[in-house]
Amino acid sequence: MNIIVENVTKIYGKDSIALKGISFEIKSGMFGLLGPNGAGKTTLMRIIATLIRPTNGFVKVGDYRTDDVKEKWHIRAMLGYLPQELALYGDLSAQEFLDFMGAMKGCRDRARQVKTLLELTGLSAAAKKRIKTYSGGMKRRLGIAQALIGDPSLLIVDEPTVGLDPEERTRFRNMLVDLSSERTVILSSHIVEDIAQTCYQAAILHQGNLLFSGNVTEIIQQAEGRVWEYISVEEKQSSDIVLVAKTRIQEAQIKYRVLAEKQPASNATLVSPDIEDGYLWLMKKSRTR
């Protein structure tokens, strides 16, 4: 299923502009929406999920437009949504919660679906435990389970790995990749690694503007010829340099990895960029416009 975002603007109040006329296309499979907090990612997710309407422009999900009162119900029927903050009923068990959500969605075979989803998300052993006893990772997996009730063809997940430990984050990302083989999955995150490890295509938002849309490999190419590494005993300060990382290798020496158009030090050598380098370079360019 393809999704078209066409000239979408969202204004809150008189002067708070969350999205500024953005346009791009989301193709089937795993799609990453990347950007810092406050970039407009959640607003766009909520527009696609038909929870709010854009001030201008529209989103087309398959054959249906989100701004059409009648058509938005067709979108909701094929949508699974995991918001950043999911309200869970702590005194219910996972099995009871999923059964309730299935009833709310009108699923006729919800007993079978609940059993299947508990197995898929690795919660079968804890199915009858109260949700309030669950860890953060288990609650996130339960959130995915409720989003998958009804077998949606579009799955939207907003910042799902925030607060998870490395093992749980890896498990969660792998689960999303598996799910994307049969549906379109939109993953919103401010964590570059989440997108790098899961997505083939992505868009980058910053302050409501679209900085990039395309293949993840093209993000890496943005920093080609601009990533340098060198060793120094002094901190280099320059408005033309973006510090990516520094590592203390000896008591008086620090290894720097920076982004710069020109060689930042006489002993600096060019190295191959990664997605974080490309992302930071795009962010730097956006701030100098």
C-alpha atoms as a PDB file:
ATOM      1  CA  MET A   1       0.000   0.000   0.000  1.00  0.00           C
ATOM      2  CA  ASN A   2       1.348   3.412  -0.986  1.00  0.00           C
ATOM      3  CA  ILE A   3       0.710   6.578   1.008  1.00  0.00           C
ATOM      4  CA  ILE A   4       0.940  10.031  -0.545  1.00  0.00           C
ATOM      5  CA  VAL A   5       1.568  13.088   1.629  1.00  0.00           C
ATOM      6  CA  GLU A   6       0.652  16.118  -0.460  1.00  0.00           C
ATOM      7  CA  ASN A   7       1.523  19.676   0.616  1.00  0.00           C
ATOM      8  CA  VAL A   8       0.516  19.003   4.235  1.00  0.00           C
ATOM      9  CA  THR A   9       0.513  21.963   6.609  1.00  0.00           C
ATOM     10  CA  LYS A  10      -0.667  21.888  10.222  1.00  0.00           C
ATOM     11  CA  ILE A  11      -1.066  25.058  12.258  1.00  0.00           C
ATOM     12  CA  TYR A  12      -2.052  25.044  15.926  1.00  0.00           C
ATOM     13  CA  GLY A  13      -3.543  28.263  17.235  1.00  0.00           C
ATOM     14  CA  LYS A  14      -2.399  31.450  15.555  1.00  0.00           C
ATOM     15  CA  ASP A  15       1.303  30.957  15.025  1.00  0.00           C
ATOM     16  CA  SER A  16       2.395  27.427  16.003  1.00  0.00           C
ATOM     17  CA  ILE A  17       3.256  25.683  12.733  1.00  0.00           C
ATOM     18  CA  ALA A  18       3.875  21.959  13.219  1.00  0.00           C
ATOM     19  CA  LEU A  19       4.157  21.041   9.517  1.00  0.00           C
ATOM     20  CA  LYS A  20       5.090  23.361   6.668  1.00  0.00           C
ATOM     21  CA  GLY A  21       3.719  22.158   3.338  1.00  0.00           C
ATOM     22  CA  ILE A  22       5.506  18.794   3.185  1.00  0.00           C
ATOM     23  CA  SER A  23       5.106  16.311   0.310  1.00  0.00           C
ATOM     24  CA  PHE A  24       6.534  12.814  -0.130  1.00  0.00           C
ATOM     25  CA  GLU A  25       5.497   9.207  -0.789  1.00  0.00           C
ATOM     26  CA  ILE A  26       5.578   6.164   1.492  1.00  0.00           C
ATOM     27  CA  LYS A  27       5.822   2.808  -0.257  1.00  0.00           C
ATOM     28  CA  SER A  28       4.957  -0.623   1.122  1.00  0.00           C
ATOM     29  CA  GLY A  29       7.373  -2.253   3.551  1.00  0.00           C
ATOM     30  CA  MET A  30       9.215  -0.552   6.396  1.00  0.00           C
ATOM     31  CA  PHE A  31       9.354   3.254   6.321  1.00  0.00           C
ATOM     32  CA  GLY A  32      11.220   5.405   8.839  1.00  0.00           C
ATOM     33  CA  LEU A  33      10.194   8.886   9.943  1.00  0.00           C
ATOM     34  CA  LEU A  34      13.237  10.437  11.578  1.00  0.00           C
ATOM     35  CA  GLY A  35      13.770  13.728  13.359  1.00  0.00           C
ATOM     36  CA  PRO A  36      14.413  15.358  16.741  1.00  0.00           C
ATOM     37  CA  ASN A  37      11.698  15.887  19.322  1.00  0.00           C
ATOM     38  CA  GLY A  38       9.344  18.628  18.149  1.00  0.00           C
ATOM     39  CA  ALA A  39      10.055  18.010  14.453  1.00  0.00           C
ATOM     40  CA  GLY A  40       6.403  17.313  13.602  1.00  0.00           C
ATOM     41  CA  LYS A  41       6.592  13.505  13.432  1.00  0.00           C
ATOM     42  CA  THR A  42       3.745  12.793  15.846  1.00  0.00           C
ATOM     43  CA  THR A  43       1.535  15.405  14.188  1.00  0.00           C
ATOM     44  CA  LEU A  44       2.062  13.733  10.821  1.00  0.00           C
ATOM     45  CA  MET A  45       1.393  10.293  12.308  1.00  0.00           C
ATOM     46  CA  ARG A  46      -1.881  11.531  13.781  1.00  0.00           C
ATOM     47  CA  ILE A  47      -2.901  13.016  10.445  1.00  0.00           C
ATOM     48  CA  ILE A  48      -2.218   9.726   8.640  1.00  0.00           C
ATOM     49  CA  ALA A  49      -4.159   7.893  11.365  1.00  0.00           C
ATOM     50  CA  THR A  50      -7.121  10.312  10.748  1.00  0.00           C
ATOM     51  CA  LEU A  51      -7.026  11.526  14.373  1.00  0.00           C
ATOM     52  CA  ILE A  52      -6.506  15.149  13.319  1.00  0.00           C
ATOM     53  CA  ARG A  53      -6.989  17.010  10.041  1.00  0.00           C
ATOM     54  CA  PRO A  54      -4.308  19.060   8.291  1.00  0.00           C
ATOM     55  CA  THR A  55      -4.789  22.801   7.944  1.00  0.00           C
ATOM     56  CA  ASN A  56      -3.901  22.504   4.269  1.00  0.00           C
ATOM     57  CA  GLY A  57      -3.050  19.632   1.928  1.00  0.00           C
ATOM     58  CA  PHE A  58      -4.072  16.005   2.282  1.00  0.00           C
ATOM     59  CA  VAL A  59      -2.838  12.460   2.824  1.00  0.00           C
ATOM     60  CA  LYS A  60      -3.978   9.617   0.573  1.00  0.00           C
ATOM     61  CA  VAL A  61      -3.769   6.117   2.035  1.00  0.00           C
ATOM     62  CA  GLY A  62      -4.215   3.616  -0.778  1.00  0.00           C
ATOM     63  CA  ASP A  63      -7.358   4.790  -2.557  1.00  0.00           C
ATOM     64  CA  TYR A  64      -8.688   6.905   0.312  1.00  0.00           C
ATOM     65  CA  ARG A  65      -8.071  10.449   1.527  1.00  0.00           C
ATOM     66  CA  THR A  66      -7.824  11.259   5.211  1.00  0.00           C
ATOM     67  CA  ASP A  67      -9.640  14.595   4.799  1.00  0.00           C
ATOM     68  CA  ASP A  68     -12.792  12.947   3.433  1.00  0.00           C
ATOM     69  CA  VAL A  69     -15.320  12.272   6.229  1.00  0.00           C
ATOM     70  CA  LYS A  70     -16.577   9.058   4.616  1.00  0.00           C
ATOM     71  CA  GLU A  71     -13.252   7.753   3.324  1.00  0.00           C
ATOM     72  CA  LYS A  72     -11.430   8.124   6.636  1.00  0.00           C
ATOM     73  CA  TRP A  73     -13.480   5.231   8.033  1.00  0.00           C
ATOM     74  CA  HIS A  74     -12.078   2.971   5.317  1.00  0.00           C
ATOM     75  CA  ILE A  75      -8.581   4.020   6.435  1.00  0.00           C
ATOM     76  CA  ARG A  76      -9.338   3.295  10.085  1.00  0.00           C
ATOM     77  CA  ALA A  77     -10.607  -0.169   9.142  1.00  0.00           C
ATOM     78  CA  MET A  78      -7.189  -1.106   7.732  1.00  0.00           C
ATOM     79  CA  LEU A  79      -5.080   0.720  10.324  1.00  0.00           C
ATOM     80  CA  GLY A  80      -3.198  -0.379  13.422  1.00  0.00           C
ATOM     81  CA  TYR A  81      -1.773   2.415  15.590  1.00  0.00           C
ATOM     82  CA  LEU A  82       0.642   2.405  18.520  1.00  0.00           C
ATOM     83  CA  PRO A  83       0.924   5.970  19.887  1.00  0.00           C
ATOM     84  CA  GLN A  84       3.909   7.170  21.883  1.00  0.00           C
ATOM     85  CA  GLU A  85       1.833   7.055  25.061  1.00  0.00           C
ATOM     86  CA  LEU A  86      -0.590   4.120  25.090  1.00  0.00           C
ATOM     87  CA  ALA A  87      -3.261   3.981  27.796  1.00  0.00           C
ATOM     88  CA  LEU A  88      -3.297   0.467  29.241  1.00  0.00           C
ATOM     89  CA  TYR A  89      -5.663  -0.923  31.842  1.00  0.00           C
ATOM     90  CA  GLY A  90      -3.219  -2.010  34.530  1.00  0.00           C
ATOM     91  CA  ASP A  91      -5.632  -4.222  36.449  1.00  0.00           C
ATOM     92  CA  LEU A  92      -6.464  -6.307  33.368  1.00  0.00           C
ATOM     93  CA  SER A  93      -4.330  -9.166  32.129  1.00  0.00           C
ATOM     94  CA  ALA A  94      -2.874  -8.978  28.621  1.00  0.00           C
ATOM     95  CA  GLN A  95      -5.355 -11.607  27.484  1.00  0.00           C
ATOM     96  CA  GLU A  96      -8.299  -9.636  28.892  1.00  0.00           C
ATOM     97  CA  PHE A  97      -7.018  -6.367  27.425  1.00  0.00           C
ATOM     98  CA  LEU A  98      -6.584  -7.806  23.929  1.00  0.00           C
ATOM     99  CA  ASP A  99      -9.988  -9.486  24.094  1.00  0.00           C
ATOM    100  CA  PHE A 100     -11.513  -6.121  25.044  1.00  0.00           C
ATOM    101  CA  MET A 101      -9.710  -4.323  22.198  1.00  0.00           C
ATOM    102  CA  GLY A 102     -10.828  -7.032  19.774  1.00  0.00           C
ATOM    103  CA  ALA A 103     -14.420  -6.535  20.871  1.00  0.00           C
ATOM    104  CA  MET A 104     -14.048  -2.763  20.378  1.00  0.00           C
ATOM    105  CA  LYS A 105     -12.813  -3.387  16.825  1.00  0.00           C
ATOM    106  CA  GLY A 106     -15.627  -5.825  16.116  1.00  0.00           C
ATOM    107  CA  CYS A 107     -13.397  -8.863  15.548  1.00  0.00           C
ATOM    108  CA  ARG A 108     -15.494 -12.025  15.317  1.00  0.00           C
ATOM    109  CA  ASP A 109     -12.629 -14.474  15.806  1.00  0.00           C
ATOM    110  CA  ARG A 110     -10.870 -12.503  18.504  1.00  0.00           C
ATOM    111  CA  ALA A 111     -10.120 -15.559  20.690  1.00  0.00           C
ATOM    112  CA  ARG A 112      -7.943 -16.975  17.905  1.00  0.00           C
ATOM    113  CA  GLN A 113      -6.394 -13.578  17.165  1.00  0.00           C
ATOM    114  CA  VAL A 114      -5.586 -12.923  20.821  1.00  0.00           C
ATOM    115  CA  LYS A 115      -3.843 -16.288  21.136  1.00  0.00           C
ATOM    116  CA  THR A 116      -1.873 -15.713  17.912  1.00  0.00           C
ATOM    117  CA  LEU A 117      -0.821 -12.178  18.874  1.00  0.00           C
ATOM    118  CA  LEU A 118       0.291 -13.204  22.355  1.00  0.00           C
ATOM    119  CA  GLU A 119       2.531 -15.813  20.744  1.00  0.00           C
ATOM    120  CA  LEU A 120       3.799 -13.374  18.106  1.00  0.00           C
ATOM    121  CA  THR A 121       4.801 -10.790  20.697  1.00  0.00           C
ATOM    122  CA  GLY A 122       6.266 -13.298  23.143  1.00  0.00           C
ATOM    123  CA  LEU A 123       3.688 -12.643  25.860  1.00  0.00           C
ATOM    124  CA  SER A 124       2.005 -16.060  26.065  1.00  0.00           C
ATOM    125  CA  ALA A 125       3.724 -16.981  29.330  1.00  0.00           C
ATOM    126  CA  ALA A 126       2.585 -13.724  30.940  1.00  0.00           C
ATOM    127  CA  ALA A 127      -0.841 -13.590  29.280  1.00  0.00           C
ATOM    128  CA  LYS A 128      -2.768 -13.869  32.553  1.00  0.00           C
ATOM    129  CA  LYS A 129      -0.596 -11.526  34.604  1.00  0.00           C
ATOM    130  CA  ARG A 130      -1.808  -8.017  35.335  1.00  0.00           C
ATOM    131  CA  ILE A 131      -0.455  -5.435  32.927  1.00  0.00           C
ATOM    132  CA  LYS A 132       0.725  -3.199  35.777  1.00  0.00           C
ATOM    133  CA  THR A 133       3.345  -5.857  36.590  1.00  0.00           C
ATOM    134  CA  TYR A 134       4.813  -5.713  33.066  1.00  0.00           C
ATOM    135  CA  SER A 135       8.159  -4.162  32.180  1.00  0.00           C
ATOM    136  CA  GLY A 136       8.341  -1.262  29.720  1.00  0.00           C
ATOM    137  CA  GLY A 137       9.335  -3.621  26.908  1.00  0.00           C
ATOM    138  CA  MET A 138       6.448  -5.979  27.618  1.00  0.00           C
ATOM    139  CA  LYS A 139       4.002  -3.067  27.573  1.00  0.00           C
ATOM    140  CA  ARG A 140       5.380  -1.959  24.205  1.00  0.00           C
ATOM    141  CA  ARG A 141       4.939  -5.473  22.822  1.00  0.00           C
ATOM    142  CA  LEU A 142       1.393  -5.530  24.162  1.00  0.00           C
ATOM    143  CA  GLY A 143       0.848  -2.209  22.399  1.00  0.00           C
ATOM    144  CA  ILE A 144       1.922  -3.788  19.116  1.00  0.00           C
ATOM    145  CA  ALA A 145      -0.403  -6.741  19.785  1.00  0.00           C
ATOM    146  CA  GLN A 146      -3.415  -4.446  20.218  1.00  0.00           C
ATOM    147  CA  ALA A 147      -2.456  -2.533  17.062  1.00  0.00           C
ATOM    148  CA  LEU A 148      -2.386  -5.794  15.082  1.00  0.00           C
ATOM    149  CA  ILE A 149      -5.883  -6.921  16.044  1.00  0.00           C
ATOM    150  CA  GLY A 150      -7.913  -7.134  12.856  1.00  0.00           C
ATOM    151  CA  ASP A 151      -4.784  -7.810  10.750  1.00  0.00           C
ATOM    152  CA  PRO A 152      -4.283  -4.216   9.512  1.00  0.00           C
ATOM    153  CA  SER A 153      -2.526  -3.532   6.213  1.00  0.00           C
ATOM    154  CA  LEU A 154      -1.026  -0.321   7.654  1.00  0.00           C
ATOM    155  CA  LEU A 155       0.780  -0.230  10.995  1.00  0.00           C
ATOM    156  CA  ILE A 156       1.901   3.077  12.554  1.00  0.00           C
ATOM    157  CA  VAL A 157       4.247   3.052  15.560  1.00  0.00           C
ATOM    158  CA  ASP A 158       5.357   6.274  17.228  1.00  0.00           C
ATOM    159  CA  GLU A 159       8.659   6.292  19.164  1.00  0.00           C
ATOM    160  CA  PRO A 160       8.269   2.648  20.247  1.00  0.00           C
ATOM    161  CA  THR A 161      11.780   2.033  21.607  1.00  0.00           C
ATOM    162  CA  VAL A 162      12.087   5.019  23.970  1.00  0.00           C
ATOM    163  CA  GLY A 163      13.066   3.808  27.417  1.00  0.00           C
ATOM    164  CA  LEU A 164      13.770   0.224  26.372  1.00  0.00           C
ATOM    165  CA  ASP A 165      17.007  -1.529  27.243  1.00  0.00           C
ATOM    166  CA  PRO A 166      19.282  -2.595  24.325  1.00  0.00           C
ATOM    167  CA  GLU A 167      18.080  -6.217  24.299  1.00  0.00           C
ATOM    168  CA  GLU A 168      14.390  -5.267  24.294  1.00  0.00           C
ATOM    169  CA  ARG A 169      14.981  -2.584  21.665  1.00  0.00           C
ATOM    170  CA  THR A 170      16.649  -5.111  19.367  1.00  0.00           C
ATOM    171  CA  ARG A 171      13.809  -7.597  19.871  1.00  0.00           C
ATOM    172  CA  PHE A 172      11.232  -4.913  19.138  1.00  0.00           C
ATOM    173  CA  ARG A 173      12.977  -3.730  15.964  1.00  0.00           C
ATOM    174  CA  ASN A 174      13.277  -7.289  14.654  1.00  0.00           C
ATOM    175  CA  MET A 175       9.579  -7.858  15.270  1.00  0.00           C
ATOM    176  CA  LEU A 176       8.680  -4.754  13.261  1.00  0.00           C
ATOM    177  CA  VAL A 177      10.836  -5.901  10.333  1.00  0.00           C
ATOM    178  CA  ASP A 178       9.064  -9.264  10.339  1.00  0.00           C
ATOM    179  CA  LEU A 179       5.668  -7.538  10.379  1.00  0.00           C
ATOM    180  CA  SER A 180       6.603  -5.317   7.417  1.00  0.00           C
ATOM    181  CA  SER A 181       6.796  -8.312   5.061  1.00  0.00           C
ATOM    182  CA  GLU A 182       2.988  -8.360   4.856  1.00  0.00           C
ATOM    183  CA  ARG A 183       2.035  -4.702   5.409  1.00  0.00           C
ATOM    184  CA  THR A 184       3.239  -1.118   5.351  1.00  0.00           C
ATOM    185  CA  VAL A 185       4.893  -0.164   8.647  1.00  0.00           C
ATOM    186  CA  ILE A 186       5.667   3.467   9.507  1.00  0.00           C
ATOM    187  CA  LEU A 187       8.193   3.801  12.309  1.00  0.00           C
ATOM    188  CA  SER A 188       8.643   7.231  13.870  1.00  0.00           C
ATOM    189  CA  SER A 189      11.789   7.770  15.937  1.00  0.00           C
ATOM    190  CA  HIS A 190      14.370  10.344  16.975  1.00  0.00           C
ATOM    191  CA  ILE A 191      16.882   7.487  17.393  1.00  0.00           C
ATOM    192  CA  VAL A 192      18.951   7.168  14.221  1.00  0.00           C
ATOM    193  CA  GLU A 193      19.885   3.547  14.961  1.00  0.00           C
ATOM    194  CA  ASP A 194      16.198   2.513  14.958  1.00  0.00           C
ATOM    195  CA  ILE A 195      15.853   3.665  11.349  1.00  0.00           C
ATOM    196  CA  ALA A 196      19.274   2.416  10.244  1.00  0.00           C
ATOM    197  CA  GLN A 197      18.610  -1.107  11.520  1.00  0.00           C
ATOM    198  CA  THR A 198      15.090  -1.533  10.145  1.00  0.00           C
ATOM    199  CA  CYS A 199      14.212   0.720   7.213  1.00  0.00           C
ATOM    200  CA  TYR A 200      15.070   0.808   3.524  1.00  0.00           C
ATOM    201  CA  GLN A 201      13.259   4.100   2.966  1.00  0.00           C
ATOM    202  CA  ALA A 202      12.894   7.120   5.211  1.00  0.00           C
ATOM    203  CA  ALA A 203      11.989  10.776   5.560  1.00  0.00           C
ATOM    204  CA  ILE A 204      13.627  13.334   7.848  1.00  0.00           C
ATOM    205  CA  LEU A 205      11.680  16.177   9.475  1.00  0.00           C
ATOM    206  CA  HIS A 206      13.026  19.184  11.344  1.00  0.00           C
ATOM    207  CA  GLN A 207      10.932  22.053  12.726  1.00  0.00           C
ATOM    208  CA  GLY A 208       8.048  21.065  10.464  1.00  0.00           C
ATOM    209  CA  ASN A 209      10.154  21.001   7.296  1.00  0.00           C
ATOM    210  CA  LEU A 210      10.947  17.981   5.153  1.00  0.00           C
ATOM    211  CA  LEU A 211      14.746  17.732   4.868  1.00  0.00           C
ATOM    212  CA  PHE A 212      14.937  14.411   3.027  1.00  0.00           C
ATOM    213  CA  SER A 213      12.870  11.608   1.526  1.00  0.00           C
ATOM    214  CA  GLY A 214      14.292   8.537  -0.191  1.00  0.00           C
ATOM    215  CA  ASN A 215      16.391   5.453   0.419  1.00  0.00           C
ATOM    216  CA  VAL A 216      18.390   5.208   3.631  1.00  0.00           C
ATOM    217  CA  THR A 217      21.590   4.743   1.601  1.00  0.00           C
ATOM    218  CA  GLU A 218      21.023   8.219   0.160  1.00  0.00           C
ATOM    219  CA  ILE A 219      21.135   9.682   3.667  1.00  0.00           C
ATOM    220  CA  ILE A 220      24.623   8.230   4.059  1.00  0.00           C
ATOM    221  CA  GLN A 221      25.665   9.752   0.734  1.00  0.00           C
ATOM    222  CA  GLN A 222      24.841  13.239   2.054  1.00  0.00           C
ATOM    223  CA  ALA A 223      28.005  13.102   4.169  1.00  0.00           C
ATOM    224  CA  GLU A 224      30.305  11.593   1.540  1.00  0.00           C
ATOM    225  CA  GLY A 225      33.663  13.413   1.535  1.00  0.00           C
ATOM    226  CA  ARG A 226      32.796  15.329   4.714  1.00  0.00           C
ATOM    227  CA  VAL A 227      33.623  12.895   7.546  1.00  0.00           C
ATOM    228  CA  TRP A 228      37.054  13.319   9.130  1.00  0.00           C
ATOM    229  CA  GLU A 229      38.940  11.664  11.960  1.00  0.00           C
ATOM    230  CA  TYR A 230      42.026  12.974  13.721  1.00  0.00           C
ATOM    231  CA  ILE A 231      43.866  12.905  17.055  1.00  0.00           C
ATOM    232  CA  SER A 232      44.481  16.065  19.038  1.00  0.00           C
ATOM    233  CA  VAL A 233      45.224  17.236  22.560  1.00  0.00           C
ATOM    234  CA  GLU A 234      43.028  20.334  22.098  1.00  0.00           C
ATOM    235  CA  GLU A 235      39.286  20.737  21.632  1.00  0.00           C
ATOM    236  CA  LYS A 236      38.581  22.150  18.186  1.00  0.00           C
ATOM    237  CA  GLN A 237      35.849  24.822  18.177  1.00  0.00           C
ATOM    238  CA  SER A 238      34.498  26.038  14.833  1.00  0.00           C
ATOM    239  CA  SER A 239      31.063  26.888  13.471  1.00  0.00           C
ATOM    240  CA  ASP A 240      31.979  24.966  10.300  1.00  0.00           C
ATOM    241  CA  ILE A 241      32.549  21.705  12.180  1.00  0.00           C
ATOM    242  CA  VAL A 242      29.973  19.274  13.525  1.00  0.00           C
ATOM    243  CA  LEU A 243      31.358  17.049  16.275  1.00  0.00           C
ATOM    244  CA  VAL A 244      30.060  13.511  15.772  1.00  0.00           C
ATOM    245  CA  ALA A 245      32.097  11.719  18.426  1.00  0.00           C
ATOM    246  CA  LYS A 246      35.210  11.992  20.522  1.00  0.00           C
ATOM    247  CA  THR A 247      37.080   9.179  22.225  1.00  0.00           C
ATOM    248  CA  ARG A 248      39.856   9.523  24.782  1.00  0.00           C
ATOM    249  CA  ILE A 249      42.565   7.119  23.623  1.00  0.00           C
ATOM    250  CA  GLN A 250      45.276   8.267  26.022  1.00  0.00           C
ATOM    251  CA  GLU A 251      45.394  10.614  28.989  1.00  0.00           C
ATOM    252  CA  ALA A 252      46.252  13.659  26.890  1.00  0.00           C
ATOM    253  CA  GLN A 253      44.928  12.611  23.478  1.00  0.00           C
ATOM    254  CA  ILE A 254      41.418  12.575  22.070  1.00  0.00           C
ATOM    255  CA  LYS A 255      40.270  11.058  18.808  1.00  0.00           C
ATOM    256  CA  TYR A 256      37.708  13.241  17.020  1.00  0.00           C
ATOM    257  CA  ARG A 257      35.167  12.307  14.358  1.00  0.00           C
ATOM    258  CA  VAL A 258      33.749  15.450  12.774  1.00  0.00           C
ATOM    259  CA  LEU A 259      31.785  16.681   9.769  1.00  0.00           C
ATOM    260  CA  ALA A 260      33.371  19.461   7.755  1.00  0.00           C
ATOM    261  CA  GLU A 261      33.582  20.646   4.135  1.00  0.00           C
ATOM    262  CA  LYS A 262      37.354  21.165   4.455  1.00  0.00           C
ATOM    263  CA  GLN A 263      40.113  19.340   6.304  1.00  0.00           C
ATOM    264  CA  PRO A 264      39.673  20.483   9.943  1.00  0.00           C
ATOM    265  CA  ALA A 265      43.234  19.646  11.037  1.00  0.00           C
ATOM    266  CA  SER A 266      46.517  18.878   9.300  1.00  0.00           C
ATOM    267  CA  ASN A 267      46.430  15.257  10.492  1.00  0.00           C
ATOM    268  CA  ALA A 268      42.715  14.708   9.692  1.00  0.00           C
ATOM    269  CA  THR A 269      41.864  11.918   7.253  1.00  0.00           C
ATOM    270  CA  LEU A 270      38.630  11.225   5.376  1.00  0.00           C
ATOM    271  CA  VAL A 271      36.637   8.175   6.484  1.00  0.00           C
ATOM    272  CA  SER A 272      33.494   6.463   5.202  1.00  0.00           C
ATOM    273  CA  PRO A 273      30.218   8.004   6.429  1.00  0.00           C
ATOM    274  CA  ASP A 274      27.345   6.188   8.125  1.00  0.00           C
ATOM    275  CA  ILE A 275      23.673   7.114   8.478  1.00  0.00           C
ATOM    276  CA  GLU A 276      24.286   9.183  11.619  1.00  0.00           C
ATOM    277  CA  ASP A 277      26.829  11.279   9.728  1.00  0.00           C
ATOM    278  CA  GLY A 278      24.361  11.867   6.898  1.00  0.00           C
ATOM    279  CA  TYR A 279      21.579  12.752   9.320  1.00  0.00           C
ATOM    280  CA  LEU A 280      23.735  15.247  11.241  1.00  0.00           C
ATOM    281  CA  TRP A 281      24.921  16.843   8.002  1.00  0.00           C
ATOM    282  CA  LEU A 282      21.337  17.364   6.832  1.00  0.00           C
ATOM    283  CA  MET A 283      20.490  18.884  10.206  1.00  0.00           C
ATOM    284  CA  LYS A 284      23.483  21.214   9.966  1.00  0.00           C
ATOM    285  CA  LYS A 285      22.435  22.394   6.497  1.00  0.00           C
ATOM    286  CA  SER A 286      18.888  23.058   7.697  1.00  0.00           C
ATOM    287  CA  ARG A 287      20.159  25.367  10.439  1.00  0.00           C
ATOM    288  CA  THR A 288      22.273  27.448   8.058  1.00  0.00           C
ATOM    289  CA  ARG A 289      19.500  28.152   5.555  1.00  0.00           C
END
